[in-house]
Amino acid sequence: MNLTVVPAGRTSTRPDTVPFLRLVRIEWRKGSDTRAARWMLAVIAVLTAGATSVPLLLPKQFEQTWLAFLSPAALVLALLLPVVSILALTSEWGQRSVLVTFTQEPRRVRVLAAKVLSGIALSLLGAAYAVAVTAAALALSDALGRQVNWHLPGRYVVGFVVFVLLNSLMGMAFGALLLNTPAAIVLFFVLPTAWTLLSYGWLKEVGKWLDTAQTFRYVLEAEWHGHTGQILVSIGFWIVTPLALGAVRTMRREVS
């Protein structure tokens, strides 16, 4: 008999009737098929394509290379894709439909894991889209007769994908911890920015370890050597800790 965790700490003997992969597919649909999510994804697609066109339109200010074209796209994804991830983690609580979800699957950790995996899949899809529109922009630049450098070392591809993934996971962590869409979105943007602004004076040394504007930039630019510890500390503080606390809160929060 399989005991599962349900609201208010009660136990249930309901067997697992929902395969995990099906649960991931369900959470994918719930996270991407809402009106708000569709609008956000459409805006992200347009702005990502627009970001890659900036170096194309300003060839004298930007080198015609993969990195010069990918960097603006990375900025767009880092700012907006986490909002979709937050919505995936919080929207059900705001709409009070989470009771249905936990009735179908009482083990809340499985639901949370499915949401996180669907968010990761969306991040990878967003990174792949950015690479595709960057390739199209570079091809257009090449067709215009400009000197285009097509060489892209593998470590920069990894850095770009991991950068997008980390920002998305950070959004999911805030969503899981707060379970409230407005609060999660506001604090996702405010807290790291405030930390960056406050990282002066005696906080400067600490800021090197917790300032995502620095540590995640190391990831994007593939500057792993000498910065691995700082990157891992930032991941632990901004992603692992709030996500773990969010899992505990999800397990214990009453559903009405």
Protein backbone atom coordinates (compact mmCIF):
# COMPACT_ATOMS: atom_id res chain seq x y z
CA MET A 1 0.00 0.00 0.00
CA ASN A 2 1.40 3.35 -1.03
CA LEU A 3 1.00 6.23 1.47
CA THR A 4 0.91 9.70 -0.04
CA VAL A 5 0.95 13.19 1.42
CA VAL A 6 -2.27 15.17 1.11
CA PRO A 7 -3.51 18.53 2.43
CA ALA A 8 -3.28 19.29 6.15
CA GLY A 9 -0.81 16.49 6.72
CA ARG A 10 -3.39 13.71 6.27
CA THR A 11 -2.49 10.49 4.52
CA SER A 12 -4.14 8.71 1.67
CA THR A 13 -3.96 5.16 0.44
CA ARG A 14 -4.72 6.14 -3.13
CA PRO A 15 -2.40 4.31 -5.54
CA ASP A 16 -0.39 6.13 -8.11
CA THR A 17 -2.67 6.21 -11.15
CA VAL A 18 -0.96 9.03 -13.06
CA PRO A 19 2.32 8.08 -14.79
CA PHE A 20 4.94 10.74 -14.20
CA LEU A 21 5.54 11.48 -17.89
CA ARG A 22 1.83 12.02 -18.36
CA LEU A 23 1.90 14.34 -15.37
CA VAL A 24 4.70 16.32 -17.01
CA ARG A 25 2.68 16.60 -20.23
CA ILE A 26 -0.34 17.80 -18.26
CA GLU A 27 1.72 20.44 -16.47
CA TRP A 28 3.24 21.48 -19.80
CA ARG A 29 -0.24 22.12 -21.20
CA LYS A 30 -1.39 23.94 -18.07
CA GLY A 31 1.75 26.07 -18.05
CA SER A 32 1.77 27.03 -21.71
CA ASP A 33 -1.86 26.89 -22.85
CA THR A 34 -3.29 29.65 -20.67
CA ARG A 35 -4.08 33.01 -22.24
CA ALA A 36 -1.46 34.82 -20.14
CA ALA A 37 1.23 32.26 -20.96
CA ARG A 38 0.44 32.34 -24.68
CA TRP A 39 0.68 36.12 -24.76
CA MET A 40 3.95 36.04 -22.84
CA LEU A 41 5.42 33.41 -25.15
CA ALA A 42 4.36 35.42 -28.20
CA VAL A 43 5.96 38.56 -26.79
CA ILE A 44 9.13 36.62 -25.95
CA ALA A 45 9.31 35.22 -29.49
CA VAL A 46 8.91 38.68 -31.06
CA LEU A 47 11.35 40.42 -28.72
CA THR A 48 13.95 37.66 -29.06
CA ALA A 49 13.84 37.99 -32.83
CA GLY A 50 13.97 41.76 -32.44
CA ALA A 51 16.97 41.53 -30.12
CA THR A 52 18.96 39.54 -32.67
CA SER A 53 18.17 42.18 -35.29
CA VAL A 54 19.91 44.92 -33.29
CA PRO A 55 23.45 43.80 -34.27
CA LEU A 56 22.12 43.25 -37.78
CA LEU A 57 20.93 46.84 -38.03
CA LEU A 58 24.02 48.30 -36.32
CA PRO A 59 26.94 46.51 -37.99
CA LYS A 60 29.42 49.23 -37.06
CA GLN A 61 28.62 48.96 -33.35
CA PHE A 62 28.41 45.16 -33.17
CA GLU A 63 30.69 42.44 -34.46
CA GLN A 64 28.93 40.08 -36.82
CA THR A 65 29.49 37.00 -34.67
CA TRP A 66 27.39 34.46 -32.83
CA LEU A 67 28.19 35.95 -29.44
CA ALA A 68 27.27 39.49 -30.46
CA PHE A 69 23.89 38.28 -31.76
CA LEU A 70 23.14 35.81 -28.97
CA SER A 71 23.83 38.18 -26.08
CA PRO A 72 20.78 40.46 -26.68
CA ALA A 73 18.59 37.39 -27.12
CA ALA A 74 19.92 35.97 -23.85
CA LEU A 75 18.94 39.19 -22.07
CA VAL A 76 15.36 38.97 -23.37
CA LEU A 77 15.02 35.33 -22.34
CA ALA A 78 16.55 35.99 -18.92
CA LEU A 79 14.05 38.78 -18.23
CA LEU A 80 10.82 37.36 -19.64
CA LEU A 81 10.99 33.57 -19.74
CA PRO A 82 11.10 33.33 -15.91
CA VAL A 83 7.73 35.12 -15.81
CA VAL A 84 6.19 32.18 -17.68
CA SER A 85 7.91 29.83 -15.25
CA ILE A 86 6.47 31.76 -12.31
CA LEU A 87 2.98 31.57 -13.81
CA ALA A 88 3.33 27.79 -14.16
CA LEU A 89 4.11 27.47 -10.45
CA THR A 90 1.61 29.98 -9.06
CA SER A 91 -1.40 30.32 -11.36
CA GLU A 92 -3.26 27.29 -9.99
CA TRP A 93 -3.07 28.63 -6.45
CA GLY A 94 -4.49 31.96 -7.54
CA GLN A 95 -7.28 30.34 -9.56
CA ARG A 96 -8.00 27.83 -6.76
CA SER A 97 -7.82 24.93 -9.23
CA VAL A 98 -4.96 23.34 -7.32
CA LEU A 99 -7.47 21.26 -5.32
CA VAL A 100 -8.36 19.35 -8.49
CA THR A 101 -4.68 18.78 -9.25
CA PHE A 102 -3.89 17.42 -5.80
CA THR A 103 -7.03 15.28 -5.84
CA GLN A 104 -5.84 13.60 -9.02
CA GLU A 105 -2.26 13.36 -7.70
CA PRO A 106 -2.12 13.66 -3.88
CA ARG A 107 1.67 13.49 -3.76
CA ARG A 108 2.40 17.14 -4.18
CA VAL A 109 6.14 16.73 -4.69
CA ARG A 110 5.45 14.81 -7.91
CA VAL A 111 3.30 17.69 -9.15
CA LEU A 112 5.99 20.20 -8.27
CA ALA A 113 8.65 18.08 -9.99
CA ALA A 114 6.47 17.83 -13.11
CA LYS A 115 6.04 21.61 -13.17
CA VAL A 116 9.79 22.14 -12.84
CA LEU A 117 10.57 19.64 -15.61
CA SER A 118 8.04 21.24 -17.95
CA GLY A 119 9.63 24.62 -17.16
CA ILE A 120 13.06 23.22 -17.98
CA ALA A 121 11.72 21.89 -21.29
CA LEU A 122 10.30 25.34 -22.09
CA SER A 123 13.66 26.95 -21.29
CA LEU A 124 15.49 24.57 -23.61
CA LEU A 125 12.92 25.28 -26.33
CA GLY A 126 13.42 29.02 -25.83
CA ALA A 127 17.20 28.64 -26.08
CA ALA A 128 16.85 26.60 -29.26
CA TYR A 129 14.54 29.24 -30.75
CA ALA A 130 17.07 31.98 -29.93
CA VAL A 131 19.84 30.02 -31.63
CA ALA A 132 17.64 29.52 -34.69
CA VAL A 133 16.73 33.20 -35.10
CA THR A 134 20.36 34.15 -34.47
CA ALA A 135 21.45 31.82 -37.27
CA ALA A 136 18.86 33.43 -39.54
CA ALA A 137 20.10 36.93 -38.65
CA LEU A 138 23.72 35.94 -39.28
CA ALA A 139 22.76 34.38 -42.60
CA LEU A 140 21.04 37.63 -43.60
CA SER A 141 24.09 39.61 -42.54
CA ASP A 142 26.27 37.28 -44.62
CA ALA A 143 23.93 37.71 -47.59
CA LEU A 144 24.34 41.47 -47.28
CA GLY A 145 28.05 41.03 -47.92
CA ARG A 146 29.33 41.62 -44.40
CA GLN A 147 32.24 39.82 -42.82
CA VAL A 148 30.52 37.22 -40.66
CA ASN A 149 32.37 34.94 -38.26
CA TRP A 150 30.45 31.66 -38.09
CA HIS A 151 32.77 30.02 -35.58
CA LEU A 152 31.08 29.27 -32.25
CA PRO A 153 33.01 27.24 -29.64
CA GLY A 154 30.95 24.60 -27.87
CA ARG A 155 31.54 26.09 -24.43
CA TYR A 156 29.66 29.24 -25.44
CA VAL A 157 26.68 27.19 -26.58
CA VAL A 158 26.65 25.42 -23.22
CA GLY A 159 27.04 28.72 -21.38
CA PHE A 160 24.13 30.28 -23.26
CA VAL A 161 21.79 27.34 -22.64
CA VAL A 162 22.74 27.07 -18.97
CA PHE A 163 22.31 30.84 -18.54
CA VAL A 164 18.76 30.69 -19.90
CA LEU A 165 18.02 27.61 -17.79
CA LEU A 166 19.33 29.13 -14.55
CA ASN A 167 17.22 32.27 -14.92
CA SER A 168 14.14 30.18 -15.62
CA LEU A 169 14.84 27.93 -12.62
CA MET A 170 15.25 31.02 -10.47
CA GLY A 171 11.78 32.16 -11.52
CA MET A 172 10.38 28.72 -10.67
CA ALA A 173 12.08 28.85 -7.28
CA PHE A 174 10.47 32.19 -6.45
CA GLY A 175 7.10 30.91 -7.66
CA ALA A 176 7.33 27.73 -5.59
CA LEU A 177 8.36 29.65 -2.48
CA LEU A 178 5.72 32.40 -2.64
CA LEU A 179 2.82 30.63 -4.43
CA ASN A 180 1.54 34.06 -5.41
CA THR A 181 1.99 35.41 -8.92
CA PRO A 182 2.33 39.19 -8.31
CA ALA A 183 4.61 38.73 -5.29
CA ALA A 184 6.83 36.21 -7.08
CA ILE A 185 7.21 38.38 -10.20
CA VAL A 186 7.95 41.55 -8.24
CA LEU A 187 10.47 39.93 -5.89
CA PHE A 188 12.13 38.04 -8.75
CA PHE A 189 13.06 41.37 -10.32
CA VAL A 190 13.51 43.47 -7.18
CA LEU A 191 15.60 41.29 -4.85
CA PRO A 192 18.50 40.42 -7.22
CA THR A 193 18.54 44.00 -8.54
CA ALA A 194 18.55 45.43 -5.03
CA TRP A 195 21.38 43.11 -4.07
CA THR A 196 23.37 44.28 -7.10
CA LEU A 197 22.86 47.92 -6.14
CA LEU A 198 23.80 47.26 -2.51
CA SER A 199 26.93 45.28 -3.32
CA TYR A 200 29.31 48.10 -2.56
CA GLY A 201 31.70 48.80 0.29
CA TRP A 202 31.88 45.97 2.81
CA LEU A 203 29.20 44.07 0.85
CA LYS A 204 31.29 44.05 -2.30
CA GLU A 205 33.12 40.83 -1.41
CA VAL A 206 29.87 39.07 -0.55
CA GLY A 207 28.32 40.44 -3.72
CA LYS A 208 30.85 38.59 -5.81
CA TRP A 209 29.27 35.36 -4.58
CA LEU A 210 25.57 36.27 -4.57
CA ASP A 211 25.19 38.89 -7.30
CA THR A 212 23.58 37.04 -10.21
CA ALA A 213 24.37 39.96 -12.51
CA GLN A 214 28.00 38.88 -12.11
CA THR A 215 27.85 35.15 -11.49
CA PHE A 216 25.32 34.34 -14.20
CA ARG A 217 27.29 36.54 -16.61
CA TYR A 218 30.24 34.25 -16.02
CA VAL A 219 28.01 31.39 -17.13
CA LEU A 220 26.83 33.21 -20.27
CA GLU A 221 30.37 34.15 -21.26
CA ALA A 222 31.69 30.67 -20.41
CA GLU A 223 34.13 32.07 -17.86
CA TRP A 224 34.00 29.01 -15.64
CA HIS A 225 37.65 28.98 -14.64
CA GLY A 226 38.14 30.83 -11.36
CA HIS A 227 34.42 31.54 -10.90
CA THR A 228 32.92 28.08 -10.38
CA GLY A 229 32.56 28.57 -6.63
CA GLN A 230 30.80 31.91 -7.04
CA ILE A 231 28.42 30.43 -9.60
CA LEU A 232 27.55 27.48 -7.38
CA VAL A 233 26.96 29.70 -4.33
CA SER A 234 24.59 31.89 -6.33
CA ILE A 235 22.74 28.82 -7.59
CA GLY A 236 22.44 27.48 -4.06
CA PHE A 237 21.21 30.79 -2.63
CA TRP A 238 18.84 31.94 -5.38
CA ILE A 239 17.60 28.62 -6.80
CA VAL A 240 18.20 25.55 -4.63
CA THR A 241 17.25 27.09 -1.26
CA PRO A 242 13.98 28.82 -2.29
CA LEU A 243 12.97 25.80 -4.40
CA ALA A 244 13.53 23.45 -1.44
CA LEU A 245 11.62 25.77 0.90
CA GLY A 246 8.91 26.05 -1.72
CA ALA A 247 8.59 22.27 -1.87
CA VAL A 248 8.12 22.18 1.91
CA ARG A 249 5.53 24.96 1.75
CA THR A 250 3.69 23.21 -1.08
CA MET A 251 3.54 20.05 1.00
CA ARG A 252 2.13 21.81 4.05
CA ARG A 253 -0.12 24.53 2.68
CA GLU A 254 -3.85 24.07 3.17
CA VAL A 255 -5.96 23.81 0.02
CA SER A 256 -9.46 25.20 0.04
